[in-house]
Amino acid sequence: MKNNYILALASAFFFFGSVGVKAQTILDEDFETENTDAENNITRPVAVEEGWTTIDSYSGSELRYKWSNYYSDKGTIGGKHVAMCDGPISADFAPEAAKPREEILLSPELDLNNTYQLSFDWKVSPVAATAKSMYDLQVRVVVDGDVANAETIFSIQNKEDVKESGVSEWPLSTWDTHTSKLDLSDWKGKKIKLAFVYKMYTTIANIVYLDNVKVKKFTPATSPVAKLNKTTYSYGDVYIGEKFYSDAFTLTNTGLKGLQITSVDLPEGVGLTIDPSAVNLDKAQSVKFNVSYTASITSSATPKVVLHTNGGDLTINLKANKKMAPDGLTEETFEVAFPPAGWQNDGWSKSNGGLEGDVSVYASGSYRDQYITSPRLDLTKGGKVQFTYYNQYDTEETDEDGNGVAQSNDITLDLSTDGGKTWKAVWTFDYKKGTYGETTTVDLGTATDNSYVRWHNTAIKSNDGDVDPYSSFYLDRVFLPALYGQEGTPFAATLVAPADSLTNVYNQNIELKWGPALFAEGYKLYVGTSENVYNVVDGLDLKDALSYTLATAEYETMYYWKAGQTHQIELSVNSLSK
């Protein structure tokens, strides 16, 4: 007797729970009918649940030109069945269907005794956006059975409707599946039917697929609502002074239009790739951005970014494993100048986008070898070089057997221990890896204090005008062993412009430029009208700038100038005649 009583209670509780769930969803149609005949894959009835009806304007015998159920073993949207309606791609195929017309699929009657939301999946052809073959998928709300005066609440030909429903693509240029969500709150307290309307505007069109039609209870948004696709990011190991960017964050407005970022809390060393004040998102609109992190002695290893919006505050939790640079190594990130102080370049280029920071250097296809060479190294106590690289190789070429063709260029790290007279490869990229990147370390061994390393991209060949496939090789975050002379006097800067003793120079906005000096901390500028007399600019501290614009100069006057390091006297003296 006791056991039976417990069973009765359990059954009553389960029944109560089922009613509660059902009340939240008043329509759930996936169109998964029993038909599995691949030969006869367009059938009726259209839907599984009772109460669905159609209003057909097409009077012909082909079911595809009116709302029907379509079966595909491979699936079209969700399961193996969808609702569909089609239009002829040529008026000759089906004259009775080749005209402006409407085909209507009506849902069962729905009692909107609360606030509800309609959601549905759909797919259309890109030709829907073409004037010659324009057609439409509309949603209308039918009250009291008055189909003729039903209100249209969605149309794929209305940009605002599409965007407001949560679909970002516009115009519709793909066969992608989309999910739209529509607020039915305006009909709270009424009994309605939903009309899904296939509408042809001309004599040709294409297909509409419809699936997963649901009407669920929900709470409508009353303001913009901010949402992030993720709220954490880890940068991994970051050496002091380095800068890294996160993967993309996506900020989406899931509420009413007009989402704005009112302010941002940015800790030391953290930045954003967007202008927060320019963000103003419509409903369902998104914006992508990255978060940068620059490690310093005082920057937090676990900073938090807070986006204050009119749709709620959002917090991004960041993490970095801050590290000091490896002992005895000097890092080059190519951020300040290219080529950097002490480096020599022959054919490599600067890339706007870094493996670290904002800049990398790279070599790509060339009919001659390309080199980028380090400053002079002191390897009398041995040394290692560490660097980060990314080899990008994209080709569709295949050989006679259909196998992919390997890149034709080789990438090597070469070492010279005799001042650059002879070289040998101490590391070679494994071309079999294709597109690949990593941070690697190469032991250079013990050698002379007149040693150099260079990254070498070999030349490609042309066979009767056909160029062999090649990769692009990106280099960044280079750690070099002991540099020759790093404990002594800074090296000389190099003259860039204007040329020494240049004459007939226009006397307005004269740009003085010099190359970086190895080990220099900054530069001071001296300009005068007599040698060693600097009566125009006398020791102006330019920090780490590598140029200065002289606003004006006197005609028929010889000028002398020099750029000196802030903790060392002049590097060079040059003159220009006005």
Protein backbone atom coordinates (compact mmCIF):
# COMPACT_ATOMS: atom_id res chain seq x y z
CA MET A 1 0.00 0.00 0.00
CA LYS A 2 2.83 2.36 0.81
CA ASN A 3 4.61 1.63 -2.50
CA ASN A 4 1.49 2.31 -4.56
CA TYR A 5 1.03 5.65 -2.84
CA ILE A 6 4.58 6.75 -3.74
CA LEU A 7 4.06 5.74 -7.39
CA ALA A 8 0.88 7.78 -7.60
CA LEU A 9 2.65 10.86 -6.27
CA ALA A 10 5.49 10.45 -8.77
CA SER A 11 3.06 10.18 -11.67
CA ALA A 12 1.16 13.26 -10.56
CA PHE A 13 4.38 15.28 -10.26
CA PHE A 14 5.52 14.24 -13.76
CA PHE A 15 2.19 15.22 -15.30
CA PHE A 16 2.34 18.60 -13.61
CA GLY A 17 5.89 19.19 -14.92
CA SER A 18 4.92 18.33 -18.50
CA VAL A 19 2.10 20.86 -18.48
CA GLY A 20 4.50 23.54 -17.24
CA VAL A 21 6.97 22.96 -20.07
CA LYS A 22 4.23 22.85 -22.70
CA ALA A 23 2.85 26.19 -21.59
CA GLN A 24 6.15 27.87 -22.47
CA THR A 25 6.08 26.65 -26.12
CA ILE A 26 2.76 26.85 -27.94
CA LEU A 27 4.06 25.94 -31.41
CA ASP A 28 6.95 23.62 -32.30
CA GLU A 29 6.96 22.39 -35.90
CA ASP A 30 9.98 20.65 -37.45
CA PHE A 31 8.14 19.27 -40.52
CA GLU A 32 9.58 15.79 -39.92
CA THR A 33 6.75 13.85 -41.58
CA GLU A 34 6.81 10.10 -42.17
CA ASN A 35 7.64 10.27 -45.89
CA THR A 36 11.10 8.83 -46.71
CA ASP A 37 10.58 8.14 -50.41
CA ALA A 38 13.53 9.67 -52.24
CA GLU A 39 11.79 9.25 -55.61
CA ASN A 40 8.67 11.02 -54.39
CA ASN A 41 10.30 13.54 -52.05
CA ILE A 42 7.81 16.44 -52.37
CA THR A 43 4.57 15.56 -50.62
CA ARG A 44 1.67 16.74 -48.54
CA PRO A 45 0.68 17.24 -45.75
CA VAL A 46 3.23 19.95 -45.19
CA ALA A 47 3.49 19.73 -41.42
CA VAL A 48 3.40 17.17 -38.64
CA GLU A 49 1.08 18.94 -36.19
CA GLU A 50 -2.60 19.25 -36.99
CA GLY A 51 -4.09 22.62 -37.86
CA TRP A 52 -1.64 23.67 -40.57
CA THR A 53 -3.38 24.67 -43.81
CA THR A 54 -2.46 26.21 -47.16
CA ILE A 55 -4.02 28.76 -49.47
CA ASP A 56 -2.88 27.88 -52.99
CA SER A 57 -2.95 30.30 -55.89
CA TYR A 58 -1.08 27.91 -58.18
CA SER A 59 -3.61 25.55 -59.75
CA GLY A 60 -1.24 23.19 -61.52
CA SER A 61 -0.32 19.67 -60.51
CA GLU A 62 3.33 20.13 -59.46
CA LEU A 63 3.49 20.27 -55.68
CA ARG A 64 6.81 22.13 -55.68
CA TYR A 65 5.07 25.33 -56.80
CA LYS A 66 2.92 25.48 -53.67
CA TRP A 67 3.78 24.90 -50.02
CA SER A 68 4.75 21.24 -49.61
CA ASN A 69 6.98 18.99 -47.55
CA TYR A 70 10.42 18.25 -48.97
CA TYR A 71 12.45 15.18 -47.95
CA SER A 72 16.21 14.79 -48.37
CA ASP A 73 18.23 12.01 -46.79
CA LYS A 74 21.18 14.43 -46.50
CA GLY A 75 19.04 17.12 -44.88
CA THR A 76 18.39 20.68 -45.99
CA ILE A 77 18.36 22.75 -42.80
CA GLY A 78 17.84 20.75 -39.62
CA GLY A 79 16.53 17.24 -39.97
CA LYS A 80 15.61 15.49 -43.21
CA HIS A 81 12.38 17.39 -43.89
CA VAL A 82 11.52 21.06 -44.48
CA ALA A 83 8.56 23.02 -45.75
CA MET A 84 9.25 24.40 -49.22
CA CYS A 85 7.78 26.43 -52.03
CA ASP A 86 9.40 27.01 -55.41
CA GLY A 87 9.16 29.18 -58.50
CA PRO A 88 10.19 28.31 -62.06
CA ILE A 89 13.61 29.49 -63.26
CA SER A 90 12.11 29.81 -66.73
CA ALA A 91 8.58 30.69 -67.78
CA ASP A 92 8.70 27.78 -70.24
CA PHE A 93 8.97 25.22 -67.44
CA ALA A 94 5.65 25.91 -65.75
CA PRO A 95 3.55 28.65 -67.39
CA GLU A 96 0.84 28.43 -64.71
CA ALA A 97 3.42 29.14 -62.01
CA ALA A 98 5.40 31.75 -63.95
CA LYS A 99 3.59 34.88 -62.77
CA PRO A 100 3.34 37.17 -59.77
CA ARG A 101 1.54 35.15 -57.10
CA GLU A 102 1.32 34.31 -53.40
CA GLU A 103 1.34 30.88 -51.82
CA ILE A 104 0.35 30.88 -48.13
CA LEU A 105 1.14 28.40 -45.34
CA LEU A 106 -1.07 28.99 -42.28
CA SER A 107 -0.20 27.81 -38.78
CA PRO A 108 -2.71 26.44 -36.29
CA GLU A 109 -4.49 29.04 -34.18
CA LEU A 110 -2.33 30.31 -31.32
CA ASP A 111 -3.64 31.71 -28.05
CA LEU A 112 -1.20 34.49 -27.12
CA ASN A 113 -2.16 34.72 -23.46
CA ASN A 114 1.27 36.15 -22.66
CA THR A 115 4.23 37.66 -24.50
CA TYR A 116 5.59 35.28 -27.12
CA GLN A 117 8.36 35.18 -29.70
CA LEU A 118 8.33 33.46 -33.10
CA SER A 119 11.54 31.87 -34.32
CA PHE A 120 12.11 30.02 -37.60
CA ASP A 121 14.94 28.85 -39.86
CA TRP A 122 14.92 29.70 -43.55
CA LYS A 123 17.02 29.48 -46.68
CA VAL A 124 16.60 31.19 -50.06
CA SER A 125 18.54 31.52 -53.28
CA PRO A 126 20.76 34.57 -53.87
CA VAL A 127 18.62 35.35 -56.94
CA ALA A 128 15.93 36.53 -54.52
CA ALA A 129 17.85 39.81 -54.40
CA THR A 130 17.95 40.18 -58.21
CA ALA A 131 15.30 42.35 -59.85
CA LYS A 132 14.70 39.91 -62.73
CA SER A 133 13.98 37.00 -60.40
CA MET A 134 12.96 38.74 -57.17
CA TYR A 135 10.83 36.75 -54.79
CA ASP A 136 9.97 37.00 -51.12
CA LEU A 137 9.39 35.12 -47.90
CA GLN A 138 7.01 37.06 -45.69
CA VAL A 139 5.46 36.47 -42.29
CA ARG A 140 2.01 37.89 -41.57
CA VAL A 141 -0.18 37.86 -38.48
CA VAL A 142 -3.77 36.80 -39.14
CA VAL A 143 -6.39 37.92 -36.59
CA ASP A 144 -9.98 36.61 -36.61
CA GLY A 145 -9.30 34.65 -39.79
CA ASP A 146 -8.91 37.83 -41.87
CA VAL A 147 -6.12 36.67 -44.20
CA ALA A 148 -6.70 39.49 -46.70
CA ASN A 149 -5.90 42.17 -44.11
CA ALA A 150 -3.15 40.31 -42.25
CA GLU A 151 -0.25 42.49 -41.07
CA THR A 152 3.13 41.75 -42.60
CA ILE A 153 5.78 41.70 -39.83
CA PHE A 154 8.70 40.28 -41.81
CA SER A 155 9.98 40.30 -45.37
CA ILE A 156 13.35 39.15 -46.69
CA GLN A 157 13.17 42.10 -49.09
CA ASN A 158 13.11 44.56 -46.18
CA LYS A 159 16.57 45.28 -44.80
CA GLU A 160 15.27 46.53 -41.46
CA ASP A 161 13.07 43.45 -41.02
CA VAL A 162 15.98 41.12 -41.71
CA LYS A 163 18.36 42.97 -39.39
CA GLU A 164 15.78 43.32 -36.62
CA SER A 165 15.12 39.58 -36.76
CA GLY A 166 18.76 38.84 -35.95
CA VAL A 167 20.15 38.16 -39.43
CA SER A 168 23.29 40.17 -40.20
CA GLU A 169 23.66 39.27 -43.89
CA TRP A 170 22.37 41.92 -46.28
CA PRO A 171 21.86 41.78 -49.16
CA LEU A 172 21.15 38.05 -49.24
CA SER A 173 23.97 36.76 -51.43
CA THR A 174 24.43 33.14 -50.27
CA TRP A 175 22.50 29.92 -49.74
CA ASP A 176 23.20 30.12 -46.02
CA THR A 177 20.59 29.08 -43.46
CA HIS A 178 19.32 31.96 -41.33
CA THR A 179 17.37 32.06 -38.07
CA SER A 180 14.92 34.90 -37.53
CA LYS A 181 13.18 35.84 -34.29
CA LEU A 182 10.09 38.06 -34.24
CA ASP A 183 8.35 39.65 -31.25
CA LEU A 184 4.63 38.87 -31.07
CA SER A 185 4.00 41.00 -27.96
CA ASP A 186 1.70 43.39 -29.86
CA TRP A 187 -0.86 40.57 -30.10
CA LYS A 188 -0.82 39.62 -26.43
CA GLY A 189 -4.29 38.54 -25.36
CA LYS A 190 -5.38 37.63 -28.90
CA LYS A 191 -5.79 34.44 -30.88
CA ILE A 192 -3.87 34.52 -34.14
CA LYS A 193 -2.53 32.44 -36.98
CA LEU A 194 0.85 32.93 -38.61
CA ALA A 195 0.96 33.12 -42.40
CA PHE A 196 4.21 32.20 -44.14
CA VAL A 197 3.92 33.70 -47.58
CA TYR A 198 5.91 32.74 -50.67
CA LYS A 199 5.57 35.76 -52.97
CA MET A 200 6.69 36.00 -56.61
CA TYR A 201 7.10 39.48 -58.08
CA THR A 202 7.98 38.50 -61.66
CA THR A 203 7.71 35.45 -63.91
CA ILE A 204 10.77 33.59 -62.61
CA ALA A 205 12.02 32.88 -59.11
CA ASN A 206 13.58 30.17 -56.97
CA ILE A 207 12.95 28.19 -53.80
CA VAL A 208 12.20 28.93 -50.14
CA TYR A 209 12.98 26.40 -47.41
CA LEU A 210 11.33 26.79 -43.98
CA ASP A 211 12.06 24.78 -40.83
CA ASN A 212 11.91 24.70 -37.03
CA VAL A 213 8.99 27.06 -36.53
CA LYS A 214 8.57 27.76 -32.81
CA VAL A 215 6.51 30.14 -30.71
CA LYS A 216 7.80 30.45 -27.17
CA LYS A 217 7.00 32.60 -24.19
CA PHE A 218 9.65 35.28 -23.62
CA THR A 219 10.31 38.61 -21.95
CA PRO A 220 10.69 41.39 -24.55
CA ALA A 221 13.68 43.68 -24.30
CA THR A 222 12.93 47.25 -23.26
CA SER A 223 16.38 48.67 -24.02
CA PRO A 224 19.60 47.69 -25.80
CA VAL A 225 21.24 44.57 -24.37
CA ALA A 226 25.00 44.02 -24.63
CA LYS A 227 26.41 40.53 -25.08
CA LEU A 228 29.95 39.25 -25.69
CA ASN A 229 30.81 35.99 -27.43
CA LYS A 230 33.42 35.33 -24.71
CA THR A 231 34.66 37.06 -21.59
CA THR A 232 38.17 35.63 -21.07
CA TYR A 233 41.44 35.47 -22.98
CA SER A 234 44.93 34.20 -22.17
CA TYR A 235 47.97 35.61 -23.98
CA GLY A 236 50.31 32.88 -22.75
CA ASP A 237 53.97 33.80 -22.22
CA VAL A 238 54.67 37.50 -22.76
CA TYR A 239 58.13 38.97 -22.24
CA ILE A 240 58.43 42.42 -20.67
CA GLY A 241 58.08 45.01 -23.43
CA GLU A 242 56.16 42.76 -25.80
CA LYS A 243 52.70 43.49 -27.17
CA PHE A 244 50.14 40.89 -28.19
CA TYR A 245 46.59 40.99 -29.49
CA SER A 246 43.74 38.73 -28.45
CA ASP A 247 41.58 36.76 -30.81
CA ALA A 248 38.49 38.64 -31.92
CA PHE A 249 35.80 39.50 -29.39
CA THR A 250 32.29 40.05 -30.75
CA LEU A 251 29.96 42.56 -29.10
CA THR A 252 26.31 42.01 -30.08
CA ASN A 253 23.19 43.97 -29.31
CA THR A 254 20.48 41.45 -28.45
CA GLY A 255 17.98 44.10 -27.37
CA LEU A 256 16.51 47.23 -28.88
CA LYS A 257 18.59 49.22 -31.36
CA GLY A 258 21.00 51.91 -30.21
CA LEU A 259 23.61 50.02 -28.14
CA GLN A 260 26.46 52.38 -27.26
CA ILE A 261 29.66 52.08 -25.26
CA THR A 262 29.59 54.96 -22.82
CA SER A 263 33.06 54.40 -21.31
CA VAL A 264 35.76 51.76 -20.92
CA ASP A 265 37.96 50.84 -17.96
CA LEU A 266 41.36 50.01 -19.46
CA PRO A 267 44.15 48.91 -17.09
CA GLU A 268 47.79 49.80 -17.75
CA GLY A 269 49.11 48.27 -20.96
CA VAL A 270 45.68 47.31 -22.34
CA GLY A 271 44.07 48.75 -25.48
CA LEU A 272 41.22 48.17 -27.93
CA THR A 273 41.24 48.06 -31.73
CA ILE A 274 37.94 49.95 -31.97
CA ASP A 275 36.90 53.48 -31.07
CA PRO A 276 34.33 52.88 -28.31
CA SER A 277 32.66 56.24 -28.94
CA ALA A 278 31.86 55.21 -32.53
CA VAL A 279 29.90 52.08 -31.54
CA ASN A 280 26.14 52.40 -32.08
CA LEU A 281 24.60 49.01 -32.82
CA ASP A 282 21.18 48.23 -34.19
CA LYS A 283 19.25 45.26 -32.90
CA ALA A 284 21.17 42.03 -33.62
CA GLN A 285 24.09 44.02 -35.04
CA SER A 286 27.63 43.07 -33.98
CA VAL A 287 31.07 44.60 -33.95
CA LYS A 288 34.37 42.73 -33.66
CA PHE A 289 37.46 43.98 -31.86
CA ASN A 290 40.73 42.77 -30.38
CA VAL A 291 42.26 43.59 -27.01
CA SER A 292 45.97 44.38 -26.94
CA TYR A 293 48.25 43.77 -23.99
CA THR A 294 51.73 45.24 -23.50
CA ALA A 295 53.71 43.72 -20.66
CA SER A 296 55.70 45.97 -18.35
CA ILE A 297 57.16 45.67 -14.88
CA THR A 298 54.10 47.41 -13.41
CA SER A 299 51.32 46.05 -15.66
CA SER A 300 48.95 43.52 -14.11
CA ALA A 301 49.22 39.90 -15.21
CA THR A 302 45.44 39.54 -14.78
CA PRO A 303 43.92 42.80 -16.01
CA LYS A 304 40.18 43.32 -16.35
CA VAL A 305 38.56 45.40 -19.05
CA VAL A 306 35.09 46.75 -18.29
CA LEU A 307 32.86 47.95 -21.14
CA HIS A 308 30.21 50.30 -19.78
CA THR A 309 27.25 50.34 -22.18
CA ASN A 310 23.67 51.55 -22.16
CA GLY A 311 22.79 47.87 -22.34
CA GLY A 312 24.70 46.73 -19.26
CA ASP A 313 28.34 46.44 -18.19
CA LEU A 314 30.56 43.71 -19.58
CA THR A 315 33.82 42.48 -18.07
CA ILE A 316 36.67 40.86 -20.01
CA ASN A 317 39.13 38.90 -17.88
CA LEU A 318 42.63 38.76 -19.36
CA LYS A 319 45.63 36.73 -18.33
CA ALA A 320 49.32 36.86 -19.27
CA ASN A 321 52.32 34.96 -18.03
CA LYS A 322 54.78 37.85 -17.75
CA LYS A 323 58.43 36.89 -18.13
CA MET A 324 61.78 38.61 -18.28
CA ALA A 325 63.71 38.18 -21.53
CA PRO A 326 66.02 35.13 -21.53
CA ASP A 327 69.40 35.88 -19.94
CA GLY A 328 71.99 37.21 -22.34
CA LEU A 329 69.56 37.64 -25.23
CA THR A 330 68.48 40.90 -26.91
CA GLU A 331 64.98 41.01 -28.42
CA GLU A 332 64.11 42.58 -31.77
CA THR A 333 60.44 43.02 -32.64
CA PHE A 334 60.87 45.30 -35.71
CA GLU A 335 58.45 47.86 -34.25
CA VAL A 336 60.66 50.99 -34.24
CA ALA A 337 62.52 51.07 -37.53
CA PHE A 338 63.05 48.87 -40.56
CA PRO A 339 65.66 47.69 -40.91
CA PRO A 340 66.40 48.01 -37.18
CA ALA A 341 69.63 49.50 -35.87
CA GLY A 342 72.57 47.33 -36.87
CA TRP A 343 70.55 45.09 -39.18
CA GLN A 344 71.02 44.78 -42.95
CA ASN A 345 68.16 44.07 -45.32
CA ASP A 346 68.20 42.74 -48.86
CA GLY A 347 64.75 42.01 -50.21
CA TRP A 348 62.65 41.51 -47.06
CA SER A 349 59.64 43.76 -46.36
CA LYS A 350 57.70 45.08 -43.39
CA SER A 351 54.25 43.64 -42.77
CA ASN A 352 51.48 45.69 -41.18
CA GLY A 353 50.39 43.01 -38.77
CA GLY A 354 52.71 41.28 -36.39
CA LEU A 355 53.16 37.86 -34.90
CA GLU A 356 54.03 40.06 -31.93
CA GLY A 357 52.96 43.68 -31.79
CA ASP A 358 51.98 45.57 -34.93
CA VAL A 359 54.83 44.70 -37.30
CA SER A 360 56.54 41.58 -38.64
CA VAL A 361 59.00 41.24 -41.49
CA TYR A 362 58.52 38.82 -44.35
CA ALA A 363 59.99 37.45 -47.55
CA SER A 364 57.94 36.08 -50.43
CA GLY A 365 58.39 34.96 -54.02
CA SER A 366 61.38 36.56 -55.75
CA TYR A 367 63.66 35.70 -58.66
CA ARG A 368 66.67 36.41 -56.45
CA ASP A 369 67.68 35.34 -52.96
CA GLN A 370 66.48 37.52 -50.09
CA TYR A 371 68.35 38.09 -46.83
CA ILE A 372 67.84 39.89 -43.55
CA THR A 373 71.01 39.94 -41.46
CA SER A 374 71.53 40.52 -37.75
CA PRO A 375 73.94 42.97 -36.14
CA ARG A 376 77.43 41.70 -35.41
CA LEU A 377 77.40 38.99 -32.74
CA ASP A 378 79.94 38.00 -30.11
CA LEU A 379 79.88 34.20 -29.90
CA THR A 380 83.13 33.77 -27.99
CA LYS A 381 81.10 32.42 -25.08
CA GLY A 382 78.59 30.63 -27.30
CA GLY A 383 75.03 31.66 -27.96
CA LYS A 384 71.53 30.77 -29.14
CA VAL A 385 69.00 32.55 -31.33
CA GLN A 386 65.27 32.27 -30.67
CA PHE A 387 62.62 33.46 -33.13
CA THR A 388 58.94 33.17 -33.98
CA TYR A 389 57.91 32.47 -37.56
CA TYR A 390 54.88 31.70 -39.69
CA ASN A 391 55.18 30.05 -43.09
CA GLN A 392 52.10 30.73 -45.23
CA TYR A 393 51.71 28.41 -48.19
CA ASP A 394 48.45 28.29 -50.11
CA THR A 395 48.29 26.55 -53.46
CA GLU A 396 45.81 24.47 -55.41
CA GLU A 397 48.45 23.09 -57.76
CA THR A 398 48.82 19.31 -58.01
CA ASP A 399 51.18 16.99 -59.79
CA GLU A 400 50.26 14.39 -62.39
CA ASP A 401 49.08 12.03 -59.66
CA GLY A 402 46.84 14.64 -58.06
CA ASN A 403 49.12 15.22 -55.07
CA GLY A 404 49.79 18.70 -53.73
CA VAL A 405 52.92 20.46 -54.98
CA ALA A 406 55.51 21.52 -52.39
CA GLN A 407 56.73 25.12 -52.19
CA SER A 408 59.74 25.84 -54.37
CA ASN A 409 61.50 28.26 -52.02
CA ASP A 410 63.59 27.22 -49.03
CA ILE A 411 63.90 29.18 -45.78
CA THR A 412 67.15 28.82 -43.86
CA LEU A 413 68.94 30.41 -40.94
CA ASP A 414 72.56 30.91 -41.95
CA LEU A 415 75.58 31.55 -39.70
CA SER A 416 78.81 33.35 -40.57
CA THR A 417 81.76 33.36 -38.17
CA ASP A 418 84.14 35.32 -40.40
CA GLY A 419 82.39 38.65 -40.74
CA GLY A 420 80.03 37.58 -43.51
CA LYS A 421 82.56 36.14 -45.96
CA THR A 422 81.20 32.59 -45.77
CA TRP A 423 77.91 31.16 -44.57
CA LYS A 424 76.44 27.82 -43.58
CA ALA A 425 72.83 26.84 -42.88
CA VAL A 426 72.19 25.95 -39.22
CA TRP A 427 68.39 25.62 -39.51
CA THR A 428 66.07 24.85 -42.42
CA PHE A 429 62.29 25.10 -42.45
CA ASP A 430 60.64 21.75 -43.13
CA TYR A 431 58.63 22.56 -46.25
CA LYS A 432 56.52 19.42 -45.74
CA LYS A 433 54.74 21.27 -42.91
CA GLY A 434 53.18 23.69 -45.41
CA THR A 435 51.36 26.48 -43.60
CA TYR A 436 52.87 26.36 -40.14
CA GLY A 437 54.24 28.58 -37.38
CA GLU A 438 56.06 28.24 -34.08
CA THR A 439 58.74 29.69 -31.81
CA THR A 440 62.04 27.85 -32.17
CA THR A 441 65.56 28.05 -30.71
CA VAL A 442 68.79 27.33 -32.60
CA ASP A 443 72.12 26.76 -30.81
CA LEU A 444 74.87 28.63 -32.68
CA GLY A 445 77.69 27.13 -30.65
CA THR A 446 80.95 28.88 -29.75
CA ALA A 447 82.58 31.03 -32.44
CA THR A 448 84.18 34.46 -33.02
CA ASP A 449 83.18 37.98 -32.02
CA ASN A 450 82.75 38.73 -35.72
CA SER A 451 79.73 36.51 -36.32
CA TYR A 452 76.36 37.13 -37.96
CA VAL A 453 73.11 35.25 -38.59
CA ARG A 454 70.78 35.83 -41.51
CA TRP A 455 67.38 34.53 -42.55
CA HIS A 456 67.57 33.43 -46.17
CA ASN A 457 64.67 33.01 -48.60
CA THR A 458 65.87 31.28 -51.76
CA ALA A 459 64.94 32.45 -55.25
CA ILE A 460 62.09 30.90 -57.21
CA LYS A 461 62.27 29.86 -60.83
CA SER A 462 60.14 30.51 -63.87
CA ASN A 463 59.52 27.75 -66.38
CA ASP A 464 58.39 29.24 -69.68
CA GLY A 465 56.49 31.94 -67.81
CA ASP A 466 55.01 29.57 -65.22
CA VAL A 467 56.17 30.44 -61.71
CA ASP A 468 56.70 27.57 -59.28
CA PRO A 469 54.52 27.83 -56.15
CA TYR A 470 56.14 29.60 -53.22
CA SER A 471 55.40 30.54 -49.62
CA SER A 472 55.51 33.79 -47.70
CA PHE A 473 57.63 33.55 -44.56
CA TYR A 474 56.94 35.90 -41.63
CA LEU A 475 59.56 36.56 -38.95
CA ASP A 476 59.16 38.28 -35.57
CA ARG A 477 60.14 38.24 -31.91
CA VAL A 478 63.83 37.53 -32.54
CA PHE A 479 66.14 37.02 -29.53
CA LEU A 480 69.83 37.39 -30.38
CA PRO A 481 72.83 36.36 -28.28
CA ALA A 482 75.49 38.85 -27.15
CA LEU A 483 75.90 41.76 -29.57
CA TYR A 484 79.40 42.93 -30.31
CA GLY A 485 80.14 46.23 -28.54
CA GLN A 486 76.93 46.35 -26.50
CA GLU A 487 78.82 47.37 -23.36
CA GLY A 488 80.67 50.20 -25.10
CA THR A 489 80.01 53.27 -27.23
CA PRO A 490 76.87 53.31 -29.39
CA PHE A 491 77.41 52.74 -33.07
CA ALA A 492 77.03 55.49 -35.66
CA ALA A 493 73.65 56.42 -37.09
CA THR A 494 73.28 56.43 -40.86
CA LEU A 495 72.35 59.37 -43.06
CA VAL A 496 69.04 58.98 -44.88
CA ALA A 497 68.13 62.44 -46.20
CA PRO A 498 68.97 64.95 -47.47
CA ALA A 499 72.18 63.82 -49.14
CA ASP A 500 75.44 65.33 -47.88
CA SER A 501 76.31 68.67 -49.56
CA LEU A 502 73.02 68.70 -51.45
CA THR A 503 72.32 72.02 -53.22
CA ASN A 504 69.25 73.82 -54.57
CA VAL A 505 67.02 72.59 -51.79
CA TYR A 506 63.62 74.24 -51.42
CA ASN A 507 63.76 76.31 -48.25
CA GLN A 508 60.44 75.24 -46.70
CA ASN A 509 59.69 72.12 -44.60
CA ILE A 510 63.08 70.44 -45.00
CA GLU A 511 62.95 66.93 -43.57
CA LEU A 512 66.15 65.71 -41.90
CA LYS A 513 66.22 61.92 -41.56
CA TRP A 514 68.71 59.41 -40.16
CA GLY A 515 68.82 55.67 -39.57
CA PRO A 516 68.86 54.19 -36.06
CA ALA A 517 72.12 53.77 -34.15
CA LEU A 518 72.72 50.48 -32.39
CA PHE A 519 72.60 50.84 -28.57
CA ALA A 520 71.44 54.48 -28.76
CA GLU A 521 68.75 55.45 -26.25
CA GLY A 522 67.70 58.59 -28.12
CA TYR A 523 68.90 61.46 -30.29
CA LYS A 524 69.68 65.19 -30.07
CA LEU A 525 69.63 67.44 -33.11
CA TYR A 526 72.03 70.27 -33.92
CA VAL A 527 71.59 72.65 -36.91
CA GLY A 528 73.64 75.75 -37.70
CA THR A 529 74.92 78.04 -40.45
CA SER A 530 78.59 77.47 -39.60
CA GLU A 531 80.49 74.29 -38.88
CA ASN A 532 80.28 73.48 -35.16
CA VAL A 533 78.13 76.57 -34.56
CA TYR A 534 74.53 75.49 -33.99
CA ASN A 535 72.59 78.74 -33.98
CA VAL A 536 69.37 77.27 -35.50
CA VAL A 537 68.73 74.14 -33.39
CA ASP A 538 71.04 73.50 -30.47
CA GLY A 539 70.74 70.07 -28.87
CA LEU A 540 66.98 69.50 -29.27
CA ASP A 541 66.08 66.23 -27.51
CA LEU A 542 64.04 64.17 -29.97
CA LYS A 543 63.76 61.06 -27.80
CA ASP A 544 63.77 58.10 -30.21
CA ALA A 545 62.54 60.00 -33.29
CA LEU A 546 64.45 59.44 -36.51
CA SER A 547 63.45 62.61 -38.35
CA TYR A 548 62.87 66.30 -37.86
CA THR A 549 61.30 68.91 -40.15
CA LEU A 550 63.03 72.27 -40.41
CA ALA A 551 60.20 74.72 -41.10
CA THR A 552 62.22 77.29 -43.04
CA ALA A 553 65.77 78.22 -44.06
CA GLU A 554 67.54 81.21 -45.56
CA TYR A 555 68.34 81.31 -49.26
CA GLU A 556 71.96 81.02 -50.45
CA THR A 557 73.05 79.66 -47.09
CA MET A 558 75.04 76.57 -46.18
CA TYR A 559 73.57 74.63 -43.26
CA TYR A 560 75.36 72.09 -41.10
CA TRP A 561 73.54 69.51 -39.02
CA LYS A 562 74.19 66.45 -36.92
CA ALA A 563 72.14 63.92 -34.95
CA GLY A 564 73.79 62.85 -31.73
CA GLN A 565 72.79 60.26 -29.17
CA THR A 566 71.41 61.60 -25.92
CA HIS A 567 74.18 59.94 -23.93
CA GLN A 568 76.89 60.28 -26.58
CA ILE A 569 78.19 63.09 -28.76
CA GLU A 570 77.59 63.57 -32.50
CA LEU A 571 77.44 60.80 -35.06
CA SER A 572 77.90 62.60 -38.35
CA VAL A 573 78.06 66.06 -39.87
CA ASN A 574 76.24 66.86 -43.10
CA SER A 575 75.67 70.05 -45.01
CA LEU A 576 73.07 71.30 -47.41
CA SER A 577 73.17 74.48 -49.44
CA LYS A 578 70.06 76.61 -49.79
